[in-house]
């Protein structure tokens, strides 16, 4: 699987880099959007499951289990990714809800590098950047027009393509890129009332925790050490992705982005 803490933080860092270069690059134009009923995302915790009497992974290698978990994650109708990560001195937090076929909504924060709120609906992207990001972009007088506002653009903007991809449930589940990482089976533990098997990523010693009960899905991603942080994944959450109020939206084209 391509969902180690290191890879998630790298993806978040790519988002930050894309945003910081927006001022120097051409922005996309407004596109169509698909909306759903207005609602605040509500997360429903998974119900405890009984301990199986037989090993469901008997005869399977760690790599095969990870592949199966990746497929199960992609089959979810929605999921929430939440946690804090540290890698190479960069600290980041993420709280993102992804709904298959609709889009995503949430926040990403890179501490001293800045934070943002993001909403994607189909090909339309809305970004609200904090003062740190706005300052880094060197927008001059235009920055005041963006304070507290969402910038609206589309995924045709190459600088935002990585962000749009990261927010897609299927792409997130499959990691976005191919990987030659291998895994090793670890021990059993319990997360949220569910028995899980730990699988260590041999490339960086991070680990993914996969539910023993079917469907076998990743419910937690841990860094190599406790100090590196962890990310939890909650499935089939009751959530709707909604666009920001029109009064809070500024077209990227009107501010030269």
Protein backbone atom coordinates (compact mmCIF):
# COMPACT_ATOMS: atom_id res chain seq x y z
CA UNK A 1 0.00 0.00 0.00
CA UNK A 2 1.13 3.54 -0.60
CA UNK A 3 -0.45 5.05 2.52
CA UNK A 4 2.43 5.34 4.97
CA UNK A 5 2.64 8.46 7.11
CA UNK A 6 5.62 9.55 5.01
CA UNK A 7 3.60 9.42 1.80
CA UNK A 8 0.62 11.24 3.27
CA UNK A 9 2.86 14.03 4.55
CA UNK A 10 4.61 14.20 1.18
CA UNK A 11 1.24 14.57 -0.55
CA UNK A 12 0.26 17.34 1.85
CA UNK A 13 3.58 19.08 1.21
CA UNK A 14 2.92 18.90 -2.53
CA UNK A 15 -0.37 20.66 -1.90
CA UNK A 16 1.47 23.45 -0.10
CA UNK A 17 3.99 23.80 -2.90
CA UNK A 18 1.25 23.99 -5.51
CA UNK A 19 -0.56 26.73 -3.64
CA UNK A 20 2.59 28.75 -3.02
CA UNK A 21 3.29 28.89 -6.76
CA UNK A 22 -0.22 29.94 -7.77
CA UNK A 23 0.62 33.64 -7.90
CA UNK A 24 3.24 33.05 -10.57
CA UNK A 25 1.20 30.66 -12.68
CA UNK A 26 -2.04 30.91 -14.63
CA UNK A 27 -5.17 29.78 -12.80
CA UNK A 28 -8.02 27.73 -14.13
CA UNK A 29 -11.48 28.94 -14.95
CA UNK A 30 -14.64 28.17 -13.04
CA UNK A 31 -16.17 24.83 -13.88
CA UNK A 32 -19.35 22.93 -13.19
CA UNK A 33 -20.06 21.49 -9.80
CA UNK A 34 -22.07 18.70 -8.30
CA UNK A 35 -23.60 19.47 -4.94
CA UNK A 36 -25.32 17.49 -2.27
CA UNK A 37 -27.67 18.39 0.55
CA UNK A 38 -26.28 21.03 2.89
CA UNK A 39 -25.01 19.27 5.98
CA UNK A 40 -22.11 19.34 8.40
CA UNK A 41 -20.04 16.16 8.04
CA UNK A 42 -20.91 13.67 10.77
CA UNK A 43 -18.62 10.77 11.50
CA UNK A 44 -20.05 7.49 12.72
CA UNK A 45 -17.58 5.37 14.66
CA UNK A 46 -17.27 1.75 13.52
CA UNK A 47 -19.09 -0.80 15.67
CA UNK A 48 -17.02 -3.30 17.63
CA UNK A 49 -16.67 -6.63 15.90
CA UNK A 50 -16.28 -10.09 17.42
CA UNK A 51 -12.91 -11.78 17.44
CA UNK A 52 -12.77 -14.33 14.61
CA UNK A 53 -12.17 -17.95 15.57
CA UNK A 54 -9.93 -18.65 12.59
CA UNK A 55 -7.10 -16.70 10.97
CA UNK A 56 -8.61 -15.02 7.87
CA UNK A 57 -5.12 -14.25 6.59
CA UNK A 58 -3.84 -17.83 6.72
CA UNK A 59 -1.61 -18.52 3.72
CA UNK A 60 -1.44 -14.85 2.74
CA UNK A 61 1.75 -12.78 2.70
CA UNK A 62 1.85 -9.30 4.22
CA UNK A 63 1.99 -7.79 0.75
CA UNK A 64 -1.12 -9.70 -0.31
CA UNK A 65 -2.99 -8.51 2.79
CA UNK A 66 -2.03 -4.92 2.07
CA UNK A 67 -3.22 -5.21 -1.52
CA UNK A 68 -6.54 -6.63 -0.34
CA UNK A 69 -6.91 -3.79 2.18
CA UNK A 70 -6.18 -1.23 -0.53
CA UNK A 71 -8.97 -2.67 -2.69
CA UNK A 72 -11.39 -2.68 0.26
CA UNK A 73 -10.58 0.97 1.02
CA UNK A 74 -11.30 1.96 -2.57
CA UNK A 75 -14.69 0.21 -2.36
CA UNK A 76 -15.89 2.48 0.47
CA UNK A 77 -18.60 5.04 -0.31
CA UNK A 78 -16.91 7.62 1.88
CA UNK A 79 -14.12 7.95 4.40
CA UNK A 80 -12.54 10.39 6.81
CA UNK A 81 -8.77 10.76 7.15
CA UNK A 82 -7.64 12.52 10.31
CA UNK A 83 -4.36 12.83 12.14
CA UNK A 84 -1.04 14.55 12.72
CA UNK A 85 2.28 13.72 11.08
CA UNK A 86 5.91 14.80 11.35
CA UNK A 87 8.53 14.04 8.72
CA UNK A 88 11.99 15.56 8.24
CA UNK A 89 11.13 18.36 10.64
CA UNK A 90 7.85 19.24 8.93
CA UNK A 91 4.72 18.88 11.03
CA UNK A 92 1.35 18.55 9.37
CA UNK A 93 -2.24 17.83 10.33
CA UNK A 94 -5.07 16.66 8.12
CA UNK A 95 -8.82 16.24 8.60
CA UNK A 96 -10.45 15.35 5.30
CA UNK A 97 -13.76 13.74 4.34
CA UNK A 98 -13.88 12.10 0.90
CA UNK A 99 -17.10 10.98 -0.80
CA UNK A 100 -16.81 8.72 -3.83
CA UNK A 101 -17.95 10.35 -7.06
CA UNK A 102 -18.56 13.70 -5.36
CA UNK A 103 -15.40 15.23 -3.90
CA UNK A 104 -13.78 16.09 -0.60
CA UNK A 105 -13.93 18.67 2.16
CA UNK A 106 -11.58 19.42 5.03
CA UNK A 107 -8.45 21.12 6.28
CA UNK A 108 -4.71 20.73 5.87
CA UNK A 109 -2.17 22.53 8.04
CA UNK A 110 1.59 22.59 7.64
CA UNK A 111 2.33 24.54 10.81
CA UNK A 112 4.81 27.33 10.01
CA UNK A 113 4.30 26.82 6.27
CA UNK A 114 0.59 27.63 6.41
CA UNK A 115 -2.79 25.99 6.39
CA UNK A 116 -5.90 25.84 4.22
CA UNK A 117 -9.49 24.69 3.96
CA UNK A 118 -10.37 22.81 0.80
CA UNK A 119 -13.57 21.76 -0.94
CA UNK A 120 -13.68 19.86 -4.23
CA UNK A 121 -16.87 19.13 -6.15
CA UNK A 122 -16.33 17.36 -9.43
CA UNK A 123 -13.76 19.44 -11.29
CA UNK A 124 -14.29 22.54 -9.16
CA UNK A 125 -11.86 23.40 -6.37
CA UNK A 126 -12.32 25.91 -3.56
CA UNK A 127 -9.37 26.95 -1.38
CA UNK A 128 -9.30 29.22 1.66
CA UNK A 129 -5.72 30.02 2.59
CA UNK A 130 -4.54 31.31 5.93
CA UNK A 131 -2.43 34.47 6.32
CA UNK A 132 0.84 32.51 6.26
CA UNK A 133 0.08 31.01 2.85
CA UNK A 134 -1.18 34.32 1.50
CA UNK A 135 2.00 36.07 2.60
CA UNK A 136 4.18 33.38 1.03
CA UNK A 137 2.39 33.81 -2.29
CA UNK A 138 3.50 37.45 -2.57
CA UNK A 139 0.14 38.70 -3.78
CA UNK A 140 0.63 42.25 -2.55
CA UNK A 141 -2.61 44.21 -2.41
CA UNK A 142 -4.55 41.24 -3.78
CA UNK A 143 -3.99 39.37 -0.51
CA UNK A 144 -6.52 41.56 1.30
CA UNK A 145 -9.22 40.46 -1.16
CA UNK A 146 -8.54 36.82 -0.34
CA UNK A 147 -8.51 37.06 3.45
CA UNK A 148 -11.26 34.79 4.76
CA UNK A 149 -12.34 33.93 1.19
CA UNK A 150 -12.31 30.77 -0.88
CA UNK A 151 -10.52 30.98 -4.23
CA UNK A 152 -12.50 29.09 -6.87
CA UNK A 153 -10.70 27.34 -9.72
CA UNK A 154 -10.73 23.96 -11.49
CA UNK A 155 -8.50 20.93 -11.70
CA UNK A 156 -7.34 22.10 -15.14
CA UNK A 157 -4.90 24.32 -13.24
CA UNK A 158 -1.75 22.20 -13.27
CA UNK A 159 -0.60 23.61 -9.93
CA UNK A 160 -3.73 22.24 -8.28
CA UNK A 161 -3.84 18.89 -10.06
CA UNK A 162 -2.01 17.19 -7.20
CA UNK A 163 -4.48 18.58 -4.71
CA UNK A 164 -7.51 17.46 -6.68
CA UNK A 165 -6.02 14.00 -7.06
CA UNK A 166 -5.24 13.73 -3.35
CA UNK A 167 -8.88 14.48 -2.56
CA UNK A 168 -10.27 11.72 -4.76
CA UNK A 169 -11.24 8.70 -2.67
CA UNK A 170 -10.19 6.10 -5.22
CA UNK A 171 -6.86 7.79 -5.93
CA UNK A 172 -6.15 8.19 -2.22
CA UNK A 173 -6.93 4.53 -1.57
CA UNK A 174 -4.56 3.38 -4.29
CA UNK A 175 -1.86 5.84 -3.28
CA UNK A 176 -1.78 7.78 -6.54
CA UNK A 177 1.44 6.18 -7.77
CA UNK A 178 2.93 2.72 -8.09
CA UNK A 179 5.20 1.49 -5.33
CA UNK A 180 7.65 -1.34 -4.81
CA UNK A 181 7.35 -1.27 -1.04
CA UNK A 182 7.20 -4.57 0.80
CA UNK A 183 5.57 -5.36 4.13
CA UNK A 184 6.13 -7.64 7.09
CA UNK A 185 3.42 -9.07 9.36
CA UNK A 186 3.37 -7.78 12.92
CA UNK A 187 1.20 -8.48 15.94
CA UNK A 188 -2.48 -8.19 16.73
CA UNK A 189 -4.05 -5.34 18.71
CA UNK A 190 -7.39 -3.56 19.04
CA UNK A 191 -8.42 -0.19 17.58
CA UNK A 192 -11.90 1.20 18.22
CA UNK A 193 -13.18 -2.18 19.33
CA UNK A 194 -11.86 -3.88 16.20
CA UNK A 195 -9.09 -6.46 16.16
CA UNK A 196 -6.35 -5.37 13.76
CA UNK A 197 -3.18 -6.79 12.30
CA UNK A 198 -0.10 -4.57 12.08
CA UNK A 199 1.81 -4.59 8.78
CA UNK A 200 5.21 -2.86 8.74
CA UNK A 201 6.37 -0.96 5.67
CA UNK A 202 9.95 -2.19 5.21
CA UNK A 203 10.97 1.01 3.40
CA UNK A 204 10.51 3.36 6.36
CA UNK A 205 9.28 1.25 9.31
CA UNK A 206 5.88 2.95 9.32
CA UNK A 207 2.92 0.60 9.67
CA UNK A 208 -0.68 0.12 8.61
CA UNK A 209 -3.29 -1.53 10.84
CA UNK A 210 -5.77 -3.71 8.94
CA UNK A 211 -9.01 -5.06 10.41
CA UNK A 212 -9.02 -8.81 10.96
CA UNK A 213 -12.77 -8.96 10.36
CA UNK A 214 -13.95 -8.52 6.77
CA UNK A 215 -13.85 -6.27 4.90
CA UNK A 216 -10.15 -6.06 5.70
CA UNK A 217 -9.52 -2.31 5.61
CA UNK A 218 -6.85 0.02 6.91
CA UNK A 219 -8.07 1.87 10.01
CA UNK A 220 -4.82 3.45 11.17
CA UNK A 221 -1.48 4.47 9.68
CA UNK A 222 1.43 4.97 12.09
CA UNK A 223 4.78 6.64 11.63
CA UNK A 224 8.03 4.79 12.40
CA UNK A 225 7.89 6.12 15.99
CA UNK A 226 5.18 7.60 18.19
CA UNK A 227 6.75 11.03 17.67
CA UNK A 228 6.11 10.75 13.93
CA UNK A 229 2.36 10.70 14.52
CA UNK A 230 -0.50 8.67 13.10
CA UNK A 231 -3.56 8.96 10.89
CA UNK A 232 -6.91 7.25 11.41
CA UNK A 233 -9.30 6.25 8.64
CA UNK A 234 -13.05 6.01 9.34
CA UNK A 235 -15.30 4.44 6.71
CA UNK A 236 -18.78 5.08 5.34
CA UNK A 237 -19.21 8.32 7.25
CA UNK A 238 -22.47 10.24 7.05
CA UNK A 239 -21.19 13.28 5.18
CA UNK A 240 -22.16 15.69 2.40
CA UNK A 241 -19.72 17.84 0.45
CA UNK A 242 -21.11 21.33 0.01
CA UNK A 243 -19.70 24.42 -1.73
CA UNK A 244 -18.86 27.50 0.35
CA UNK A 245 -21.45 30.32 0.47
CA UNK A 246 -21.24 32.51 -2.65
CA UNK A 247 -20.44 35.51 -0.43
CA UNK A 248 -17.21 33.78 0.62
CA UNK A 249 -16.02 32.86 -2.88
CA UNK A 250 -13.63 34.78 -5.16
CA UNK A 251 -12.90 33.58 -8.69
CA UNK A 252 -9.21 32.81 -9.23
CA UNK A 253 -9.35 34.66 -12.56
CA UNK A 254 -10.46 37.91 -10.91
CA UNK A 255 -7.37 37.98 -8.72
CA UNK A 256 -4.95 36.92 -11.44
CA UNK A 257 -4.31 33.41 -10.20
